[in-house]
Amino acid sequence: MEPKQLKSIATREHRPNAGLRVAVESGGCHGYQYTMELASERHAEDYHFTHPAITPSNIYIDAVSLGLLNGSTIDFATELIGSSFRIAANPQAKGGCGCGISWEMKD
C-alpha cells in the first residue's frame, strides 16, 4: 500500500484523519467489483489498518470484504489518464477485466 499517497490526498483535501475505504460488491462483468473512496470516519463494522510510521494511513475494510480481500495488495498507480488506488494482487481472484475493478472468485 502507498500510505504516502493517502497522506498526500488527505492533506490536499484538508481532511487530516481521512482513510481509504475498500470494499467488494456484487456486480461488474465478472461477478465482483472493488470500490474505494476517501472516508472521514471508521464505521462500527470496519476493520482498521494503519502504517506504523505514516499518519494518516487509515484503511477501512468491512468484515465481508476483508474475507474477499485477504492477502491482497493495494497499490497507487499513475497513468496518463489519471492516478488511483487499486487492488494490484488478490489471491482470491482467478481473473478479471482489463479495467482492474471487476473480478471473478477462484473455485
N, C-alpha and C. Protein backbone atom coordinates (compact mmCIF):
# COMPACT_ATOMS: atom_id res chain seq x y z
N MET A 1 0.85 -1.17 0.00
CA MET A 1 0.00 0.00 0.00
C MET A 1 0.88 1.22 0.00
N GLU A 2 0.45 2.25 -0.63
CA GLU A 2 1.17 3.51 -0.73
C GLU A 2 0.63 4.50 0.30
N PRO A 3 1.04 4.38 1.58
CA PRO A 3 0.50 5.27 2.61
C PRO A 3 0.87 6.73 2.38
N LYS A 4 1.99 7.00 1.72
CA LYS A 4 2.37 8.39 1.46
C LYS A 4 1.38 9.06 0.52
N GLN A 5 0.85 8.31 -0.44
CA GLN A 5 -0.14 8.86 -1.35
C GLN A 5 -1.44 9.19 -0.61
N LEU A 6 -1.85 8.33 0.30
CA LEU A 6 -3.05 8.58 1.08
C LEU A 6 -2.86 9.82 1.94
N LYS A 7 -1.71 9.97 2.56
CA LYS A 7 -1.42 11.15 3.37
C LYS A 7 -1.46 12.41 2.51
N SER A 8 -0.90 12.34 1.32
CA SER A 8 -0.89 13.48 0.41
C SER A 8 -2.31 13.89 0.03
N ILE A 9 -3.16 12.92 -0.27
CA ILE A 9 -4.55 13.19 -0.64
C ILE A 9 -5.30 13.79 0.54
N ALA A 10 -5.13 13.21 1.71
CA ALA A 10 -5.81 13.71 2.91
C ALA A 10 -5.40 15.16 3.21
N THR A 11 -4.14 15.48 3.03
CA THR A 11 -3.65 16.84 3.26
C THR A 11 -4.24 17.79 2.22
N ARG A 12 -4.21 17.39 0.96
CA ARG A 12 -4.75 18.23 -0.13
C ARG A 12 -6.25 18.49 0.05
N GLU A 13 -6.97 17.50 0.55
CA GLU A 13 -8.42 17.62 0.74
C GLU A 13 -8.78 18.27 2.08
N HIS A 14 -7.77 18.64 2.87
CA HIS A 14 -7.97 19.23 4.20
C HIS A 14 -8.78 18.32 5.11
N ARG A 15 -8.48 17.03 5.02
CA ARG A 15 -9.14 16.01 5.84
C ARG A 15 -8.04 15.21 6.54
N PRO A 16 -7.46 15.75 7.60
CA PRO A 16 -6.26 15.16 8.22
C PRO A 16 -6.44 13.75 8.76
N ASN A 17 -7.65 13.33 9.06
CA ASN A 17 -7.87 11.98 9.59
C ASN A 17 -8.54 11.06 8.59
N ALA A 18 -8.50 11.43 7.32
CA ALA A 18 -9.17 10.64 6.29
C ALA A 18 -8.56 9.25 6.16
N GLY A 19 -9.35 8.35 5.63
CA GLY A 19 -8.90 6.99 5.37
C GLY A 19 -9.40 6.52 4.03
N LEU A 20 -8.86 5.41 3.57
CA LEU A 20 -9.30 4.80 2.32
C LEU A 20 -10.23 3.65 2.67
N ARG A 21 -11.50 3.75 2.26
CA ARG A 21 -12.44 2.68 2.48
C ARG A 21 -12.42 1.77 1.25
N VAL A 22 -12.14 0.49 1.47
CA VAL A 22 -12.05 -0.50 0.40
C VAL A 22 -13.15 -1.53 0.64
N ALA A 23 -13.90 -1.86 -0.41
CA ALA A 23 -14.98 -2.82 -0.27
C ALA A 23 -15.10 -3.65 -1.54
N VAL A 24 -15.77 -4.77 -1.40
CA VAL A 24 -16.09 -5.64 -2.54
C VAL A 24 -17.61 -5.72 -2.61
N GLU A 25 -18.14 -5.53 -3.81
CA GLU A 25 -19.58 -5.61 -4.04
C GLU A 25 -19.87 -6.61 -5.14
N SER A 26 -21.07 -7.15 -5.15
CA SER A 26 -21.51 -7.98 -6.27
C SER A 26 -21.71 -7.07 -7.47
N GLY A 27 -21.31 -7.58 -8.64
CA GLY A 27 -21.52 -6.79 -9.84
C GLY A 27 -20.32 -6.83 -10.76
N GLY A 28 -20.32 -5.97 -11.73
CA GLY A 28 -19.25 -5.94 -12.71
C GLY A 28 -19.40 -7.08 -13.70
N CYS A 29 -18.54 -7.14 -14.66
CA CYS A 29 -18.65 -8.14 -15.72
C CYS A 29 -18.12 -9.52 -15.30
N HIS A 30 -17.52 -9.64 -14.11
CA HIS A 30 -17.00 -10.93 -13.65
C HIS A 30 -17.59 -11.38 -12.32
N GLY A 31 -18.58 -10.68 -11.79
CA GLY A 31 -19.26 -11.13 -10.59
C GLY A 31 -19.00 -10.30 -9.34
N TYR A 32 -17.78 -9.78 -9.21
CA TYR A 32 -17.43 -8.94 -8.06
C TYR A 32 -16.73 -7.69 -8.57
N GLN A 33 -16.83 -6.61 -7.80
CA GLN A 33 -16.10 -5.40 -8.16
C GLN A 33 -15.59 -4.70 -6.90
N TYR A 34 -14.46 -4.05 -7.03
CA TYR A 34 -13.86 -3.28 -5.94
C TYR A 34 -14.45 -1.88 -5.93
N THR A 35 -14.64 -1.34 -4.74
CA THR A 35 -14.97 0.06 -4.59
C THR A 35 -13.99 0.68 -3.60
N MET A 36 -13.60 1.90 -3.86
CA MET A 36 -12.69 2.62 -2.98
C MET A 36 -13.13 4.07 -2.91
N GLU A 37 -13.08 4.61 -1.70
CA GLU A 37 -13.45 6.01 -1.52
C GLU A 37 -12.70 6.59 -0.33
N LEU A 38 -12.55 7.89 -0.33
CA LEU A 38 -11.95 8.58 0.80
C LEU A 38 -13.01 8.67 1.89
N ALA A 39 -12.71 8.17 3.08
CA ALA A 39 -13.66 8.13 4.18
C ALA A 39 -13.22 9.06 5.30
N SER A 40 -14.18 9.71 5.91
CA SER A 40 -13.88 10.62 7.01
C SER A 40 -13.80 9.92 8.36
N GLU A 41 -14.48 8.77 8.45
CA GLU A 41 -14.51 8.07 9.74
C GLU A 41 -14.66 6.57 9.55
N ARG A 42 -14.35 5.88 10.59
CA ARG A 42 -14.49 4.41 10.62
C ARG A 42 -15.92 4.06 11.00
N HIS A 43 -16.51 3.09 10.30
CA HIS A 43 -17.81 2.56 10.69
C HIS A 43 -17.60 1.47 11.74
N ALA A 44 -18.62 1.21 12.52
CA ALA A 44 -18.51 0.24 13.62
C ALA A 44 -18.10 -1.14 13.14
N GLU A 45 -18.52 -1.54 11.93
CA GLU A 45 -18.21 -2.88 11.42
C GLU A 45 -16.88 -2.96 10.66
N ASP A 46 -16.17 -1.85 10.55
CA ASP A 46 -14.91 -1.82 9.79
C ASP A 46 -13.73 -2.38 10.57
N TYR A 47 -12.86 -3.07 9.85
CA TYR A 47 -11.52 -3.35 10.36
C TYR A 47 -10.67 -2.14 10.00
N HIS A 48 -9.74 -1.79 10.86
CA HIS A 48 -8.94 -0.59 10.69
C HIS A 48 -7.46 -0.98 10.61
N PHE A 49 -6.82 -0.63 9.51
CA PHE A 49 -5.40 -0.90 9.30
C PHE A 49 -4.67 0.42 9.15
N THR A 50 -3.44 0.49 9.68
CA THR A 50 -2.62 1.70 9.56
C THR A 50 -1.16 1.32 9.30
N HIS A 51 -0.42 2.28 8.81
CA HIS A 51 1.02 2.14 8.66
C HIS A 51 1.65 2.65 9.96
N PRO A 52 2.65 1.97 10.50
CA PRO A 52 3.19 2.37 11.81
C PRO A 52 3.90 3.72 11.83
N ALA A 53 4.38 4.22 10.69
CA ALA A 53 5.17 5.44 10.70
C ALA A 53 4.55 6.60 9.94
N ILE A 54 3.45 6.39 9.24
CA ILE A 54 2.86 7.45 8.43
C ILE A 54 1.44 7.70 8.88
N THR A 55 1.14 8.98 9.20
CA THR A 55 -0.18 9.37 9.66
C THR A 55 -0.70 10.51 8.79
N PRO A 56 -1.89 10.47 8.26
CA PRO A 56 -2.82 9.35 8.35
C PRO A 56 -2.49 8.28 7.32
N SER A 57 -2.80 7.08 7.64
CA SER A 57 -2.67 5.96 6.70
C SER A 57 -3.77 4.95 6.98
N ASN A 58 -4.94 5.46 7.28
CA ASN A 58 -6.09 4.65 7.65
C ASN A 58 -6.68 3.89 6.47
N ILE A 59 -6.83 2.59 6.62
CA ILE A 59 -7.52 1.76 5.65
C ILE A 59 -8.69 1.11 6.39
N TYR A 60 -9.90 1.26 5.84
CA TYR A 60 -11.10 0.70 6.44
C TYR A 60 -11.67 -0.36 5.50
N ILE A 61 -11.92 -1.56 6.04
CA ILE A 61 -12.50 -2.65 5.26
C ILE A 61 -13.55 -3.35 6.10
N ASP A 62 -14.74 -3.53 5.55
CA ASP A 62 -15.80 -4.22 6.29
C ASP A 62 -15.48 -5.72 6.37
N ALA A 63 -16.13 -6.41 7.29
CA ALA A 63 -15.82 -7.82 7.57
C ALA A 63 -16.04 -8.72 6.36
N VAL A 64 -17.11 -8.53 5.61
CA VAL A 64 -17.37 -9.38 4.44
C VAL A 64 -16.30 -9.15 3.38
N SER A 65 -15.99 -7.90 3.10
CA SER A 65 -14.98 -7.58 2.10
C SER A 65 -13.60 -8.07 2.51
N LEU A 66 -13.30 -8.04 3.80
CA LEU A 66 -11.99 -8.50 4.26
C LEU A 66 -11.75 -9.95 3.86
N GLY A 67 -12.76 -10.79 3.99
CA GLY A 67 -12.63 -12.19 3.58
C GLY A 67 -12.34 -12.34 2.10
N LEU A 68 -12.86 -11.43 1.29
CA LEU A 68 -12.65 -11.48 -0.16
C LEU A 68 -11.37 -10.77 -0.60
N LEU A 69 -10.76 -10.00 0.31
CA LEU A 69 -9.54 -9.26 0.00
C LEU A 69 -8.31 -9.78 0.75
N ASN A 70 -8.50 -10.76 1.62
CA ASN A 70 -7.42 -11.25 2.47
C ASN A 70 -6.19 -11.62 1.63
N GLY A 71 -5.05 -11.02 1.95
CA GLY A 71 -3.81 -11.29 1.23
C GLY A 71 -3.58 -10.39 0.03
N SER A 72 -4.50 -9.47 -0.24
CA SER A 72 -4.39 -8.58 -1.39
C SER A 72 -3.39 -7.46 -1.14
N THR A 73 -2.94 -6.87 -2.23
CA THR A 73 -2.05 -5.71 -2.19
C THR A 73 -2.78 -4.51 -2.76
N ILE A 74 -2.75 -3.40 -2.02
CA ILE A 74 -3.31 -2.15 -2.52
C ILE A 74 -2.15 -1.32 -3.03
N ASP A 75 -2.30 -0.81 -4.24
CA ASP A 75 -1.24 -0.03 -4.86
C ASP A 75 -1.81 1.30 -5.34
N PHE A 76 -0.93 2.24 -5.61
CA PHE A 76 -1.33 3.52 -6.18
C PHE A 76 -0.69 3.61 -7.55
N ALA A 77 -1.50 3.72 -8.59
CA ALA A 77 -1.00 3.73 -9.96
C ALA A 77 -1.17 5.11 -10.58
N THR A 78 -0.13 5.55 -11.27
CA THR A 78 -0.18 6.81 -12.00
C THR A 78 -0.06 6.49 -13.48
N GLU A 79 -1.09 6.90 -14.23
CA GLU A 79 -1.13 6.66 -15.67
C GLU A 79 -1.46 7.96 -16.39
N LEU A 80 -1.41 7.94 -17.69
CA LEU A 80 -1.73 9.14 -18.47
C LEU A 80 -3.14 9.65 -18.20
N ILE A 81 -4.09 8.73 -17.98
CA ILE A 81 -5.48 9.14 -17.78
C ILE A 81 -5.80 9.51 -16.33
N GLY A 82 -4.86 9.34 -15.43
CA GLY A 82 -5.07 9.71 -14.04
C GLY A 82 -4.38 8.79 -13.07
N SER A 83 -4.56 9.07 -11.80
CA SER A 83 -3.95 8.28 -10.74
C SER A 83 -5.04 7.76 -9.82
N SER A 84 -4.83 6.56 -9.27
CA SER A 84 -5.83 5.99 -8.38
C SER A 84 -5.25 4.83 -7.59
N PHE A 85 -5.93 4.54 -6.48
CA PHE A 85 -5.62 3.33 -5.73
C PHE A 85 -6.26 2.17 -6.46
N ARG A 86 -5.64 0.98 -6.38
CA ARG A 86 -6.21 -0.21 -7.00
C ARG A 86 -5.72 -1.44 -6.26
N ILE A 87 -6.45 -2.53 -6.42
CA ILE A 87 -6.02 -3.81 -5.89
C ILE A 87 -5.08 -4.40 -6.92
N ALA A 88 -3.81 -4.53 -6.56
CA ALA A 88 -2.79 -5.00 -7.51
C ALA A 88 -2.73 -6.51 -7.55
N ALA A 89 -3.01 -7.17 -6.48
CA ALA A 89 -2.95 -8.63 -6.43
C ALA A 89 -3.94 -9.11 -5.38
N ASN A 90 -4.84 -10.00 -5.80
CA ASN A 90 -5.82 -10.58 -4.89
C ASN A 90 -5.75 -12.09 -5.04
N PRO A 91 -5.25 -12.80 -4.03
CA PRO A 91 -5.15 -14.25 -4.13
C PRO A 91 -6.50 -14.96 -4.21
N GLN A 92 -7.61 -14.26 -3.92
CA GLN A 92 -8.94 -14.87 -4.01
C GLN A 92 -9.49 -14.81 -5.45
N ALA A 93 -8.84 -14.01 -6.33
CA ALA A 93 -9.36 -13.80 -7.69
C ALA A 93 -8.67 -14.72 -8.69
N LYS A 94 -9.45 -15.23 -9.64
CA LYS A 94 -8.84 -16.05 -10.69
C LYS A 94 -8.79 -15.32 -12.02
N GLY A 95 -9.42 -14.23 -12.13
CA GLY A 95 -9.39 -13.45 -13.36
C GLY A 95 -10.19 -12.19 -13.18
N GLY A 96 -10.02 -11.29 -14.11
CA GLY A 96 -10.75 -10.04 -14.03
C GLY A 96 -10.75 -9.35 -15.37
N CYS A 97 -11.36 -8.21 -15.38
CA CYS A 97 -11.42 -7.48 -16.64
C CYS A 97 -10.27 -6.50 -16.72
N GLY A 98 -10.05 -5.96 -17.88
CA GLY A 98 -8.92 -5.07 -18.14
C GLY A 98 -8.92 -3.81 -17.29
N CYS A 99 -10.07 -3.41 -16.80
CA CYS A 99 -10.15 -2.19 -16.00
C CYS A 99 -9.56 -2.38 -14.60
N GLY A 100 -9.43 -3.63 -14.15
CA GLY A 100 -8.88 -3.91 -12.83
C GLY A 100 -9.88 -3.74 -11.69
N ILE A 101 -11.13 -3.48 -12.02
CA ILE A 101 -12.16 -3.28 -10.98
C ILE A 101 -13.01 -4.53 -10.80
N SER A 102 -13.35 -5.19 -11.88
CA SER A 102 -14.21 -6.36 -11.84
C SER A 102 -13.37 -7.63 -11.84
N TRP A 103 -13.78 -8.64 -11.06
CA TRP A 103 -13.01 -9.87 -10.95
C TRP A 103 -13.90 -11.06 -10.64
N GLU A 104 -13.34 -12.25 -10.83
CA GLU A 104 -14.04 -13.50 -10.60
C GLU A 104 -13.37 -14.26 -9.46
N MET A 105 -14.17 -14.86 -8.60
CA MET A 105 -13.67 -15.61 -7.45
C MET A 105 -13.10 -16.97 -7.90
N LYS A 106 -12.02 -17.39 -7.26
CA LYS A 106 -11.48 -18.73 -7.51
C LYS A 106 -12.47 -19.77 -7.02
N ASP A 107 -12.44 -20.93 -7.66
CA ASP A 107 -13.34 -22.03 -7.27
C ASP A 107 -12.94 -22.63 -5.95
